[in-house]
């Protein structure tokens, strides 16, 4: 059976997606010289944009295939976390399985790009480790949704949500 023939089977399926939600920022600019403070390129910003990445990207892909993703994740109690939740709700995604973690920063990746797509620099918010209480709460969220979901996707983007303990549970 060809892959294209499997796509109709996806319609209406609920898929649990457990792992890191990332807020990706893209800053596009032109190198216009060397910085006077240090021997690094000086870039004039031409545009800025952002996309939801990690688990949120999988949710979008599942939706585009006719399915529904059920996210199990953590965002920080910060402006980025609020933005992630607002945008997920705006695209019709379920957000009740996304915990807001005290002391946890929403993972972000900022890419400084040239207009032709060359990446100058990537800035990652530091990798974090969830405490035992947050892992326990995520496991409870996942267990509470197992009956309503078929497949489960474990999505580890190295940002700290997908711990070995969470994957085992």
Foldseek 3Di string as FASTA:
>chain_A
DDPVVCLVVLAAAEEEEEEAKEKEKEWEFDFDAADPVDRDTDTDTDDMDIDIDFSLVVQVVSVVSNHGYAYAEEAEPDPVSVVVVVVCVVVVHDCPNYYHDYVHHRWYKYFYAYPVGHTPDIDTDDADADDPVSLVSSLVSCVVCVVRHDHYHYTYPRRHRDDPVSVVD
